[in-house]
């Protein structure tokens, strides 16, 4: 999906010769984490709100150039890579440059997250499973085979946690009959960290436990 329609230009970069007081005033009027800085039309980087309030207002922004953060994306960068850039830089504004490093505008975090929410992983009905296995023992091809062998559709999968030698994978399956899928994952030695309400295996264990408790109470 092309992102050019999401490039915004309502905020112009401040010039490196502007005063820090101008920068602080802009932060007072905005809800952005950073403000882009330019010099002669060339993008120099961004200054964060936290850093801006550490400087004297009568200084020029050029005096604070050691605080510049040089993050940006290209106009052809895919939305998933743009989302990753937001996360890596802890920001809610992302400058966009063309191949000649000309500043084109910026992306706003909420717009890019909105694109993520429109993907089938979130938009399509289905069930979410979180499965767990040894980091050397899992494979996405096996996960796909398990899901599809039970006549279910895999809408998405990603690694949601990696700790020591264990990995967790969050998957979305596009139908409501997830019980067979869950049981097959167990047969392939996957641990079900978080399952669907149709997981009759857990319900069966609960029923047997309750039956045993009542039997012992007799």
N, C-alpha and C. Protein backbone atom coordinates (compact mmCIF):
# COMPACT_ATOMS: atom_id res chain seq x y z
N UNK A 1 0.84 -1.20 0.00
CA UNK A 1 0.00 0.00 0.00
C UNK A 1 0.88 1.25 0.00
N UNK A 2 0.75 2.17 -0.99
CA UNK A 2 1.57 3.39 -1.02
C UNK A 2 1.22 4.30 0.15
N UNK A 3 2.25 4.90 0.74
CA UNK A 3 2.05 5.72 1.93
C UNK A 3 2.06 7.21 1.62
N UNK A 4 2.27 7.58 0.36
CA UNK A 4 2.42 9.00 0.02
C UNK A 4 1.21 9.82 0.45
N UNK A 5 0.04 9.21 0.45
CA UNK A 5 -1.16 9.95 0.84
C UNK A 5 -1.18 10.29 2.33
N UNK A 6 -0.30 9.65 3.10
CA UNK A 6 -0.26 9.90 4.54
C UNK A 6 0.84 10.88 4.94
N UNK A 7 1.61 11.41 3.97
CA UNK A 7 2.64 12.39 4.30
C UNK A 7 1.97 13.73 4.64
N UNK A 8 2.32 14.28 5.79
CA UNK A 8 1.74 15.53 6.27
C UNK A 8 2.75 16.66 6.15
N UNK A 9 2.23 17.87 5.94
CA UNK A 9 3.11 19.04 5.81
C UNK A 9 2.60 20.24 6.61
N UNK A 10 1.71 19.99 7.55
CA UNK A 10 1.16 21.11 8.30
C UNK A 10 2.16 21.67 9.31
N UNK A 11 3.22 20.92 9.61
CA UNK A 11 4.27 21.41 10.50
C UNK A 11 5.56 21.51 9.69
N UNK A 12 6.10 22.70 9.60
CA UNK A 12 7.34 22.89 8.87
C UNK A 12 8.52 22.73 9.84
N UNK A 13 9.64 22.19 9.35
CA UNK A 13 10.82 22.08 10.22
C UNK A 13 11.30 23.45 10.67
N UNK A 14 11.81 23.53 11.87
CA UNK A 14 12.45 24.76 12.33
C UNK A 14 13.84 24.85 11.72
N UNK A 15 14.31 26.08 11.56
CA UNK A 15 15.64 26.29 11.03
C UNK A 15 16.67 26.19 12.15
N UNK A 16 17.85 25.76 11.78
CA UNK A 16 18.90 25.55 12.78
C UNK A 16 19.30 26.86 13.47
N UNK A 17 19.00 28.00 12.85
CA UNK A 17 19.33 29.30 13.43
C UNK A 17 18.20 29.88 14.26
N UNK A 18 17.05 29.18 14.33
CA UNK A 18 15.96 29.63 15.19
C UNK A 18 16.35 29.48 16.66
N UNK A 19 15.62 30.17 17.50
CA UNK A 19 15.89 30.13 18.93
C UNK A 19 15.27 28.88 19.57
N UNK A 20 15.88 28.43 20.65
CA UNK A 20 15.32 27.32 21.41
C UNK A 20 13.95 27.70 21.96
N UNK A 21 13.75 28.99 22.24
CA UNK A 21 12.43 29.44 22.72
C UNK A 21 11.35 29.16 21.68
N UNK A 22 11.70 29.29 20.38
CA UNK A 22 10.74 28.96 19.32
C UNK A 22 10.42 27.47 19.34
N UNK A 23 11.44 26.67 19.60
CA UNK A 23 11.24 25.23 19.67
C UNK A 23 10.32 24.87 20.83
N UNK A 24 10.55 25.49 21.98
CA UNK A 24 9.71 25.22 23.15
C UNK A 24 8.27 25.65 22.90
N UNK A 25 8.11 26.78 22.23
CA UNK A 25 6.76 27.26 21.91
C UNK A 25 6.03 26.27 21.01
N UNK A 26 6.76 25.69 20.05
CA UNK A 26 6.14 24.71 19.16
C UNK A 26 5.69 23.48 19.93
N UNK A 27 6.52 23.02 20.86
CA UNK A 27 6.14 21.86 21.67
C UNK A 27 4.92 22.17 22.55
N UNK A 28 4.82 23.42 23.00
CA UNK A 28 3.66 23.80 23.82
C UNK A 28 2.36 23.74 23.02
N UNK A 29 2.47 23.91 21.70
CA UNK A 29 1.29 23.93 20.85
C UNK A 29 0.97 22.57 20.24
N UNK A 30 1.92 21.62 20.33
CA UNK A 30 1.77 20.33 19.66
C UNK A 30 1.78 19.19 20.67
N UNK A 31 1.44 18.01 20.16
CA UNK A 31 1.50 16.80 21.00
C UNK A 31 2.55 15.83 20.47
N UNK A 32 3.46 16.31 19.64
CA UNK A 32 4.48 15.45 19.06
C UNK A 32 5.68 15.31 19.99
N UNK A 33 6.33 14.16 19.89
CA UNK A 33 7.50 13.88 20.73
C UNK A 33 8.75 14.58 20.24
N UNK A 34 8.80 14.91 18.94
CA UNK A 34 9.97 15.51 18.32
C UNK A 34 9.55 16.60 17.32
N UNK A 35 10.50 17.47 17.01
CA UNK A 35 10.31 18.47 15.97
C UNK A 35 11.48 18.37 15.00
N UNK A 36 11.23 18.30 13.68
CA UNK A 36 12.31 18.23 12.70
C UNK A 36 13.05 19.58 12.56
N UNK A 37 14.35 19.49 12.27
CA UNK A 37 15.20 20.67 12.12
C UNK A 37 15.85 20.63 10.73
N UNK A 38 15.91 21.81 10.07
CA UNK A 38 16.54 21.87 8.75
C UNK A 38 17.54 23.01 8.71
N UNK A 39 18.40 22.94 7.69
CA UNK A 39 19.37 24.00 7.46
C UNK A 39 19.50 24.20 5.96
N UNK A 40 18.98 25.30 5.47
CA UNK A 40 19.01 25.55 4.04
C UNK A 40 18.24 24.53 3.24
N UNK A 41 17.16 24.04 3.79
CA UNK A 41 16.34 23.04 3.11
C UNK A 41 16.82 21.62 3.28
N UNK A 42 17.92 21.42 4.00
CA UNK A 42 18.46 20.08 4.24
C UNK A 42 18.06 19.62 5.63
N UNK A 43 17.50 18.43 5.69
CA UNK A 43 17.07 17.86 6.98
C UNK A 43 18.29 17.55 7.84
N UNK A 44 18.30 18.04 9.08
CA UNK A 44 19.44 17.86 9.99
C UNK A 44 19.17 16.82 11.08
N UNK A 45 17.90 16.57 11.36
CA UNK A 45 17.54 15.64 12.43
C UNK A 45 16.35 16.18 13.21
N UNK A 46 16.06 15.52 14.31
CA UNK A 46 14.95 15.93 15.18
C UNK A 46 15.46 16.21 16.58
N UNK A 47 14.77 17.08 17.29
CA UNK A 47 15.03 17.30 18.71
C UNK A 47 13.80 16.86 19.48
N UNK A 48 14.03 16.11 20.54
CA UNK A 48 12.92 15.63 21.35
C UNK A 48 12.44 16.72 22.30
N UNK A 49 11.21 16.57 22.74
CA UNK A 49 10.65 17.54 23.68
C UNK A 49 11.44 17.54 24.98
N UNK A 50 11.83 16.37 25.46
CA UNK A 50 12.58 16.29 26.71
C UNK A 50 13.90 17.05 26.62
N UNK A 51 14.60 16.92 25.49
CA UNK A 51 15.87 17.64 25.32
C UNK A 51 15.65 19.13 25.19
N UNK A 52 14.59 19.54 24.50
CA UNK A 52 14.35 20.96 24.25
C UNK A 52 14.22 21.75 25.55
N UNK A 53 13.59 21.15 26.54
CA UNK A 53 13.37 21.87 27.79
C UNK A 53 14.59 21.87 28.70
N UNK A 54 15.67 21.24 28.23
CA UNK A 54 16.93 21.26 28.99
C UNK A 54 17.82 22.43 28.58
N UNK A 55 17.45 23.14 27.50
CA UNK A 55 18.31 24.20 26.95
C UNK A 55 17.73 25.58 27.27
N UNK A 56 18.63 26.55 27.35
CA UNK A 56 18.22 27.94 27.58
C UNK A 56 17.49 28.47 26.36
N UNK A 57 16.42 29.21 26.59
CA UNK A 57 15.58 29.68 25.50
C UNK A 57 16.25 30.65 24.55
N UNK A 58 17.28 31.39 25.00
CA UNK A 58 17.90 32.37 24.13
C UNK A 58 19.02 31.79 23.27
N UNK A 59 19.32 30.51 23.45
CA UNK A 59 20.32 29.86 22.61
C UNK A 59 19.70 29.52 21.25
N UNK A 60 20.54 29.38 20.24
CA UNK A 60 20.04 28.93 18.94
C UNK A 60 19.99 27.40 18.93
N UNK A 61 19.17 26.87 18.05
CA UNK A 61 19.08 25.41 17.92
C UNK A 61 20.43 24.84 17.48
N UNK A 62 21.19 25.61 16.71
CA UNK A 62 22.50 25.16 16.26
C UNK A 62 23.43 24.87 17.44
N UNK A 63 23.26 25.62 18.53
CA UNK A 63 24.09 25.40 19.72
C UNK A 63 23.80 24.05 20.35
N UNK A 64 22.67 23.45 20.00
CA UNK A 64 22.24 22.19 20.62
C UNK A 64 22.29 21.03 19.63
N UNK A 65 23.11 21.17 18.58
CA UNK A 65 23.09 20.17 17.52
C UNK A 65 23.54 18.79 17.97
N UNK A 66 24.24 18.70 19.10
CA UNK A 66 24.64 17.38 19.62
C UNK A 66 23.44 16.57 20.10
N UNK A 67 22.30 17.24 20.27
CA UNK A 67 21.09 16.54 20.71
C UNK A 67 20.22 16.08 19.54
N UNK A 68 20.66 16.39 18.31
CA UNK A 68 19.86 15.99 17.15
C UNK A 68 19.78 14.46 17.05
N UNK A 69 18.61 13.97 16.73
CA UNK A 69 18.40 12.55 16.45
C UNK A 69 18.10 12.41 14.96
N UNK A 70 18.94 11.65 14.26
CA UNK A 70 18.89 11.66 12.81
C UNK A 70 17.98 10.64 12.16
N UNK A 71 16.92 10.21 12.85
CA UNK A 71 16.06 9.18 12.26
C UNK A 71 15.16 9.76 11.17
N UNK A 72 14.83 8.92 10.21
CA UNK A 72 13.92 9.27 9.11
C UNK A 72 13.59 7.99 8.34
N UNK A 73 12.64 8.08 7.44
CA UNK A 73 12.36 7.00 6.49
C UNK A 73 12.31 7.60 5.09
N UNK A 74 12.39 6.73 4.09
CA UNK A 74 12.28 7.17 2.71
C UNK A 74 10.82 7.16 2.28
N UNK A 75 10.55 7.84 1.18
CA UNK A 75 9.19 7.88 0.66
C UNK A 75 8.72 6.52 0.17
N UNK A 76 9.66 5.61 -0.14
CA UNK A 76 9.28 4.28 -0.62
C UNK A 76 9.34 3.21 0.48
N UNK A 77 9.66 3.60 1.71
CA UNK A 77 9.74 2.64 2.80
C UNK A 77 8.37 2.03 3.05
N UNK A 78 8.30 0.71 3.23
CA UNK A 78 7.02 0.03 3.45
C UNK A 78 6.46 0.38 4.82
N UNK A 79 5.15 0.23 4.96
CA UNK A 79 4.50 0.65 6.20
C UNK A 79 4.98 -0.14 7.40
N UNK A 80 5.33 -1.42 7.22
CA UNK A 80 5.80 -2.22 8.34
C UNK A 80 7.17 -1.73 8.81
N UNK A 81 8.03 -1.35 7.87
CA UNK A 81 9.34 -0.79 8.23
C UNK A 81 9.19 0.59 8.87
N UNK A 82 8.21 1.35 8.42
CA UNK A 82 7.93 2.65 9.04
C UNK A 82 7.48 2.45 10.48
N UNK A 83 6.62 1.48 10.69
CA UNK A 83 6.15 1.18 12.05
C UNK A 83 7.32 0.77 12.94
N UNK A 84 8.23 -0.02 12.39
CA UNK A 84 9.42 -0.43 13.15
C UNK A 84 10.28 0.78 13.50
N UNK A 85 10.42 1.73 12.58
CA UNK A 85 11.21 2.93 12.84
C UNK A 85 10.60 3.75 13.97
N UNK A 86 9.28 3.84 14.00
CA UNK A 86 8.61 4.52 15.11
C UNK A 86 8.98 3.86 16.44
N UNK A 87 8.90 2.54 16.48
CA UNK A 87 9.17 1.81 17.72
C UNK A 87 10.62 1.95 18.16
N UNK A 88 11.55 1.88 17.22
CA UNK A 88 12.97 1.94 17.56
C UNK A 88 13.38 3.31 18.08
N UNK A 89 12.67 4.36 17.67
CA UNK A 89 13.06 5.71 18.04
C UNK A 89 12.13 6.35 19.07
N UNK A 90 11.16 5.57 19.56
CA UNK A 90 10.25 6.06 20.62
C UNK A 90 9.69 7.44 20.28
N UNK A 91 9.10 7.55 19.11
CA UNK A 91 8.59 8.84 18.65
C UNK A 91 7.18 8.66 18.08
N UNK A 92 6.50 9.78 17.87
CA UNK A 92 5.19 9.72 17.23
C UNK A 92 5.13 10.57 15.96
N UNK A 93 6.31 11.02 15.50
CA UNK A 93 6.43 11.76 14.25
C UNK A 93 7.66 11.22 13.53
N UNK A 94 7.53 10.97 12.21
CA UNK A 94 8.63 10.36 11.47
C UNK A 94 8.90 11.15 10.18
N UNK A 95 10.02 11.87 10.09
CA UNK A 95 10.34 12.62 8.87
C UNK A 95 10.48 11.69 7.66
N UNK A 96 10.04 12.17 6.51
CA UNK A 96 10.10 11.42 5.26
C UNK A 96 11.00 12.17 4.29
N UNK A 97 12.01 11.47 3.75
CA UNK A 97 12.95 12.05 2.78
C UNK A 97 12.87 11.28 1.47
N UNK A 98 13.16 11.98 0.37
CA UNK A 98 13.25 11.28 -0.91
C UNK A 98 14.68 10.80 -1.12
N UNK A 99 14.97 10.27 -2.30
CA UNK A 99 16.30 9.71 -2.57
C UNK A 99 17.40 10.77 -2.58
N UNK A 100 17.03 12.03 -2.77
CA UNK A 100 18.00 13.12 -2.76
C UNK A 100 18.09 13.78 -1.38
N UNK A 101 17.48 13.11 -0.37
CA UNK A 101 17.49 13.59 1.01
C UNK A 101 16.73 14.90 1.20
N UNK A 102 15.83 15.18 0.27
CA UNK A 102 14.96 16.33 0.42
C UNK A 102 13.82 15.99 1.38
N UNK A 103 13.56 16.89 2.30
CA UNK A 103 12.48 16.68 3.28
C UNK A 103 11.13 16.83 2.59
N UNK A 104 10.29 15.79 2.67
CA UNK A 104 8.98 15.79 2.02
C UNK A 104 7.83 16.07 2.97
N UNK A 105 8.05 15.82 4.25
CA UNK A 105 6.99 15.93 5.24
C UNK A 105 7.23 14.89 6.32
N UNK A 106 6.14 14.44 6.93
CA UNK A 106 6.30 13.48 8.02
C UNK A 106 5.08 12.56 8.10
N UNK A 107 5.29 11.41 8.72
CA UNK A 107 4.20 10.51 9.05
C UNK A 107 3.84 10.69 10.52
N UNK A 108 2.57 10.51 10.81
CA UNK A 108 2.10 10.50 12.19
C UNK A 108 1.85 9.06 12.62
N UNK A 109 2.26 8.74 13.84
CA UNK A 109 2.20 7.36 14.31
C UNK A 109 0.80 6.79 14.21
N UNK A 110 -0.21 7.54 14.60
CA UNK A 110 -1.58 7.01 14.62
C UNK A 110 -2.05 6.59 13.22
N UNK A 111 -1.58 7.30 12.18
CA UNK A 111 -1.96 6.95 10.82
C UNK A 111 -1.37 5.59 10.42
N UNK A 112 -0.12 5.34 10.81
CA UNK A 112 0.53 4.09 10.45
C UNK A 112 -0.06 2.93 11.25
N UNK A 113 -0.36 3.17 12.51
CA UNK A 113 -1.02 2.13 13.31
C UNK A 113 -2.39 1.81 12.73
N UNK A 114 -3.07 2.83 12.22
CA UNK A 114 -4.36 2.61 11.58
C UNK A 114 -4.26 1.65 10.40
N UNK A 115 -3.16 1.74 9.63
CA UNK A 115 -2.96 0.80 8.53
C UNK A 115 -2.79 -0.62 9.04
N UNK A 116 -2.07 -0.76 10.15
CA UNK A 116 -1.87 -2.07 10.75
C UNK A 116 -3.21 -2.66 11.18
N UNK A 117 -4.07 -1.83 11.73
CA UNK A 117 -5.38 -2.30 12.20
C UNK A 117 -6.29 -2.71 11.05
N UNK A 118 -5.98 -2.24 9.84
CA UNK A 118 -6.79 -2.60 8.68
C UNK A 118 -6.36 -3.91 8.03
N UNK A 119 -5.25 -4.48 8.46
CA UNK A 119 -4.78 -5.74 7.88
C UNK A 119 -5.71 -6.88 8.31
N UNK A 120 -5.76 -7.97 7.54
CA UNK A 120 -6.61 -9.11 7.91
C UNK A 120 -6.31 -9.67 9.29
N UNK A 121 -5.06 -9.51 9.76
CA UNK A 121 -4.73 -10.02 11.09
C UNK A 121 -5.65 -9.44 12.15
N UNK A 122 -6.01 -8.16 12.01
CA UNK A 122 -6.90 -7.53 12.97
C UNK A 122 -8.33 -7.43 12.46
N UNK A 123 -8.48 -7.17 11.17
CA UNK A 123 -9.82 -6.85 10.64
C UNK A 123 -10.70 -8.07 10.43
N UNK A 124 -10.11 -9.21 10.07
CA UNK A 124 -10.90 -10.40 9.77
C UNK A 124 -11.28 -11.14 11.06
N UNK A 125 -12.49 -11.72 11.09
CA UNK A 125 -12.87 -12.50 12.28
C UNK A 125 -12.05 -13.78 12.38
N UNK A 126 -11.80 -14.21 13.59
CA UNK A 126 -11.02 -15.42 13.81
C UNK A 126 -10.57 -15.51 15.25
N UNK A 127 -9.72 -16.46 15.51
CA UNK A 127 -9.24 -16.69 16.87
C UNK A 127 -7.75 -16.50 16.97
N UNK A 128 -7.30 -16.06 18.13
CA UNK A 128 -5.89 -15.83 18.40
C UNK A 128 -5.35 -16.95 19.28
N UNK A 129 -4.20 -17.49 18.89
CA UNK A 129 -3.49 -18.47 19.70
C UNK A 129 -2.07 -17.99 19.95
N UNK A 130 -1.59 -18.21 21.14
CA UNK A 130 -0.17 -17.99 21.44
C UNK A 130 0.42 -19.34 21.78
N UNK A 131 1.38 -19.77 20.96
CA UNK A 131 2.00 -21.08 21.16
C UNK A 131 3.46 -20.89 21.52
N UNK A 132 4.03 -21.93 22.12
CA UNK A 132 5.38 -21.83 22.65
C UNK A 132 6.15 -23.12 22.38
N UNK A 133 7.43 -22.96 22.00
CA UNK A 133 8.26 -24.13 21.75
C UNK A 133 9.72 -23.72 21.85
N UNK A 134 10.61 -24.71 21.92
CA UNK A 134 12.03 -24.43 21.94
C UNK A 134 12.47 -23.69 20.69
N UNK A 135 13.39 -22.76 20.85
CA UNK A 135 13.78 -21.89 19.75
C UNK A 135 14.41 -22.67 18.60
N UNK A 136 14.98 -23.83 18.90
CA UNK A 136 15.59 -24.66 17.87
C UNK A 136 14.61 -25.67 17.26
N UNK A 137 13.40 -25.73 17.82
CA UNK A 137 12.48 -26.81 17.44
C UNK A 137 11.29 -26.35 16.61
N UNK A 138 11.02 -25.06 16.55
CA UNK A 138 9.83 -24.60 15.84
C UNK A 138 10.19 -24.27 14.39
N UNK A 139 9.16 -24.21 13.55
CA UNK A 139 9.34 -23.69 12.19
C UNK A 139 7.99 -23.15 11.72
N UNK A 140 8.03 -22.07 10.96
CA UNK A 140 6.79 -21.49 10.45
C UNK A 140 6.14 -22.41 9.41
N UNK A 141 6.93 -23.17 8.71
CA UNK A 141 6.34 -24.11 7.76
C UNK A 141 5.53 -25.18 8.49
N UNK A 142 6.04 -25.63 9.64
CA UNK A 142 5.31 -26.62 10.42
C UNK A 142 4.03 -26.02 11.00
N UNK A 143 4.13 -24.77 11.46
CA UNK A 143 2.95 -24.10 12.02
C UNK A 143 1.87 -23.96 10.95
N UNK A 144 2.27 -23.55 9.75
CA UNK A 144 1.30 -23.42 8.65
C UNK A 144 0.68 -24.78 8.33
N UNK A 145 1.50 -25.82 8.31
CA UNK A 145 1.01 -27.16 7.98
C UNK A 145 0.00 -27.64 9.01
N UNK A 146 0.27 -27.35 10.29
CA UNK A 146 -0.64 -27.77 11.36
C UNK A 146 -2.00 -27.08 11.19
N UNK A 147 -1.96 -25.78 10.94
CA UNK A 147 -3.21 -25.02 10.79
C UNK A 147 -3.99 -25.50 9.57
N UNK A 148 -3.32 -25.59 8.43
CA UNK A 148 -4.01 -25.91 7.18
C UNK A 148 -4.43 -27.37 7.10
N UNK A 149 -3.73 -28.26 7.80
CA UNK A 149 -4.14 -29.67 7.80
C UNK A 149 -5.47 -29.87 8.53
N UNK A 150 -5.85 -28.89 9.32
CA UNK A 150 -7.15 -28.95 10.00
C UNK A 150 -8.20 -28.09 9.29
N UNK A 151 -7.94 -27.79 8.01
CA UNK A 151 -8.86 -27.03 7.16
C UNK A 151 -9.17 -25.65 7.73
N UNK A 152 -8.16 -25.06 8.36
CA UNK A 152 -8.28 -23.70 8.86
C UNK A 152 -7.38 -22.79 8.03
N UNK A 153 -7.64 -21.49 8.10
CA UNK A 153 -6.87 -20.51 7.35
C UNK A 153 -5.98 -19.71 8.30
N UNK A 154 -4.71 -19.59 7.93
CA UNK A 154 -3.77 -18.81 8.72
C UNK A 154 -3.78 -17.36 8.22
N UNK A 155 -4.23 -16.44 9.07
CA UNK A 155 -4.34 -15.03 8.69
C UNK A 155 -3.09 -14.24 9.04
N UNK A 156 -2.25 -14.77 9.91
CA UNK A 156 -1.02 -14.06 10.27
C UNK A 156 -0.31 -14.76 11.41
N UNK A 157 0.99 -14.52 11.49
CA UNK A 157 1.80 -15.10 12.57
C UNK A 157 3.03 -14.24 12.77
N UNK A 158 3.40 -14.03 14.01
CA UNK A 158 4.64 -13.30 14.29
C UNK A 158 5.21 -13.75 15.63
N UNK A 159 6.52 -13.58 15.77
CA UNK A 159 7.20 -13.92 17.02
C UNK A 159 6.92 -12.81 18.02
N UNK A 160 6.22 -13.13 19.08
CA UNK A 160 5.81 -12.13 20.05
C UNK A 160 6.67 -12.11 21.31
N UNK A 161 7.49 -13.15 21.49
CA UNK A 161 8.38 -13.16 22.66
C UNK A 161 9.50 -14.16 22.41
N UNK A 162 10.70 -13.79 22.81
CA UNK A 162 11.85 -14.67 22.69
C UNK A 162 12.67 -14.55 23.97
N UNK A 163 12.77 -15.65 24.69
CA UNK A 163 13.43 -15.61 25.99
C UNK A 163 14.23 -16.89 26.19
N UNK A 164 15.54 -16.75 26.42
CA UNK A 164 16.44 -17.89 26.58
C UNK A 164 16.31 -18.80 25.36
N UNK A 165 15.92 -20.04 25.60
CA UNK A 165 15.81 -20.99 24.48
C UNK A 165 14.36 -21.29 24.12
N UNK A 166 13.43 -20.42 24.53
CA UNK A 166 12.00 -20.62 24.26
C UNK A 166 11.47 -19.44 23.46
N UNK A 167 10.62 -19.75 22.50
CA UNK A 167 10.04 -18.71 21.66
C UNK A 167 8.52 -18.81 21.69
N UNK A 168 7.84 -17.65 21.71
CA UNK A 168 6.39 -17.61 21.64
C UNK A 168 5.97 -17.01 20.31
N UNK A 169 4.97 -17.61 19.71
CA UNK A 169 4.48 -17.16 18.41
C UNK A 169 2.98 -16.91 18.53
N UNK A 170 2.56 -15.72 18.14
CA UNK A 170 1.13 -15.37 18.12
C UNK A 170 0.61 -15.60 16.70
N UNK A 171 -0.46 -16.36 16.61
CA UNK A 171 -1.05 -16.64 15.29
C UNK A 171 -2.54 -16.32 15.32
N UNK A 172 -3.06 -15.96 14.16
CA UNK A 172 -4.50 -15.75 14.02
C UNK A 172 -5.02 -16.71 12.98
N UNK A 173 -6.08 -17.41 13.35
CA UNK A 173 -6.68 -18.44 12.50
C UNK A 173 -8.09 -18.00 12.13
N UNK A 174 -8.40 -18.10 10.85
CA UNK A 174 -9.60 -17.48 10.33
C UNK A 174 -10.86 -18.29 10.37
N UNK A 175 -11.04 -19.11 11.35
CA UNK A 175 -12.36 -19.70 11.57
C UNK A 175 -12.54 -19.98 13.05
N UNK A 176 -13.74 -20.36 13.45
CA UNK A 176 -14.03 -20.50 14.88
C UNK A 176 -13.76 -21.89 15.42
N UNK A 177 -13.53 -22.88 14.54
CA UNK A 177 -13.30 -24.24 15.02
C UNK A 177 -11.84 -24.50 15.32
N UNK A 178 -11.35 -23.94 16.39
CA UNK A 178 -9.92 -23.98 16.69
C UNK A 178 -9.50 -25.17 17.53
N UNK A 179 -10.46 -25.92 18.03
CA UNK A 179 -10.12 -26.99 18.96
C UNK A 179 -9.19 -28.04 18.33
N UNK A 180 -9.49 -28.44 17.09
CA UNK A 180 -8.65 -29.44 16.42
C UNK A 180 -7.23 -28.90 16.19
N UNK A 181 -7.14 -27.62 15.86
CA UNK A 181 -5.83 -27.01 15.66
C UNK A 181 -5.03 -27.04 16.95
N UNK A 182 -5.68 -26.68 18.04
CA UNK A 182 -5.00 -26.66 19.35
C UNK A 182 -4.50 -28.05 19.71
N UNK A 183 -5.35 -29.06 19.52
CA UNK A 183 -4.94 -30.42 19.87
C UNK A 183 -3.77 -30.89 19.00
N UNK A 184 -3.77 -30.49 17.72
CA UNK A 184 -2.66 -30.88 16.85
C UNK A 184 -1.36 -30.21 17.28
N UNK A 185 -1.44 -28.93 17.68
CA UNK A 185 -0.24 -28.26 18.19
C UNK A 185 0.31 -29.01 19.41
N UNK A 186 -0.57 -29.49 20.26
CA UNK A 186 -0.11 -30.24 21.44
C UNK A 186 0.58 -31.54 21.02
N UNK A 187 0.04 -32.20 20.01
CA UNK A 187 0.66 -33.44 19.55
C UNK A 187 2.05 -33.20 18.96
N UNK A 188 2.25 -31.99 18.45
CA UNK A 188 3.57 -31.63 17.92
C UNK A 188 4.45 -30.96 18.99
N UNK A 189 4.04 -31.12 20.24
CA UNK A 189 4.83 -30.65 21.40
C UNK A 189 4.92 -29.13 21.51
N UNK A 190 3.91 -28.43 21.00
CA UNK A 190 3.81 -27.00 21.25
C UNK A 190 3.01 -26.79 22.53
N UNK A 191 3.47 -25.85 23.35
CA UNK A 191 2.72 -25.48 24.54
C UNK A 191 1.75 -24.36 24.16
N UNK A 192 0.49 -24.51 24.56
CA UNK A 192 -0.52 -23.48 24.29
C UNK A 192 -0.50 -22.49 25.45
N UNK A 193 0.09 -21.31 25.19
CA UNK A 193 0.21 -20.29 26.24
C UNK A 193 -1.12 -19.61 26.46
N UNK A 194 -1.78 -19.26 25.38
CA UNK A 194 -3.08 -18.61 25.45
C UNK A 194 -3.91 -19.13 24.30
N UNK A 195 -5.05 -19.73 24.63
CA UNK A 195 -5.86 -20.36 23.60
C UNK A 195 -7.21 -19.72 23.45
N UNK A 196 -8.07 -20.42 22.77
CA UNK A 196 -9.41 -19.95 22.44
C UNK A 196 -10.40 -20.59 23.39
N UNK A 197 -11.53 -19.98 23.53
CA UNK A 197 -12.53 -20.50 24.45
C UNK A 197 -13.05 -21.87 24.05
N UNK A 198 -12.80 -22.28 22.80
CA UNK A 198 -13.25 -23.59 22.36
C UNK A 198 -12.26 -24.70 22.70
N UNK A 199 -11.23 -24.38 23.47
CA UNK A 199 -10.22 -25.38 23.82
C UNK A 199 -10.84 -26.38 24.80
N UNK A 200 -11.44 -27.41 24.26
CA UNK A 200 -12.16 -28.38 25.09
C UNK A 200 -11.21 -29.22 25.94
N UNK A 201 -9.94 -29.26 25.57
CA UNK A 201 -8.97 -30.02 26.37
C UNK A 201 -8.88 -29.44 27.78
N UNK A 202 -8.78 -28.13 27.89
CA UNK A 202 -8.72 -27.48 29.20
C UNK A 202 -10.03 -27.67 29.94
N UNK A 203 -11.14 -27.51 29.22
CA UNK A 203 -12.44 -27.67 29.86
C UNK A 203 -12.60 -29.09 30.38
N UNK A 204 -12.12 -30.06 29.60
CA UNK A 204 -12.21 -31.45 30.03
C UNK A 204 -11.40 -31.69 31.30
N UNK A 205 -10.22 -31.11 31.36
CA UNK A 205 -9.40 -31.26 32.57
C UNK A 205 -10.10 -30.65 33.78
N UNK A 206 -10.72 -29.49 33.58
CA UNK A 206 -11.44 -28.85 34.68
C UNK A 206 -12.59 -29.73 35.17
N UNK A 207 -13.33 -30.30 34.21
CA UNK A 207 -14.46 -31.16 34.58
C UNK A 207 -13.99 -32.39 35.34
N UNK A 208 -12.89 -33.00 34.87
CA UNK A 208 -12.37 -34.18 35.56
C UNK A 208 -11.87 -33.84 36.95
N UNK A 209 -11.23 -32.68 37.09
CA UNK A 209 -10.75 -32.25 38.39
C UNK A 209 -11.92 -32.04 39.35
N UNK A 210 -12.97 -31.42 38.84
CA UNK A 210 -14.14 -31.18 39.67
C UNK A 210 -14.80 -32.51 40.07
N UNK A 211 -14.86 -33.44 39.12
CA UNK A 211 -15.44 -34.76 39.41
C UNK A 211 -14.63 -35.47 40.48
N UNK A 212 -13.29 -35.39 40.34
CA UNK A 212 -12.42 -36.05 41.32
C UNK A 212 -12.59 -35.42 42.70
N UNK A 213 -12.72 -34.11 42.76
CA UNK A 213 -12.90 -33.45 44.05
C UNK A 213 -14.18 -33.89 44.72
N UNK A 214 -15.25 -33.96 43.93
CA UNK A 214 -16.54 -34.39 44.49
C UNK A 214 -16.47 -35.84 44.95
N UNK A 215 -15.74 -36.68 44.17
CA UNK A 215 -15.61 -38.11 44.54
C UNK A 215 -14.87 -38.23 45.87
N UNK A 216 -13.81 -37.44 46.05
CA UNK A 216 -13.02 -37.54 47.28
C UNK A 216 -13.79 -37.00 48.49
N UNK A 217 -14.77 -36.14 48.21
CA UNK A 217 -15.56 -35.56 49.30
C UNK A 217 -16.62 -36.54 49.81
N UNK A 218 -16.90 -37.62 49.04
CA UNK A 218 -17.94 -38.55 49.45
C UNK A 218 -17.49 -39.34 50.68
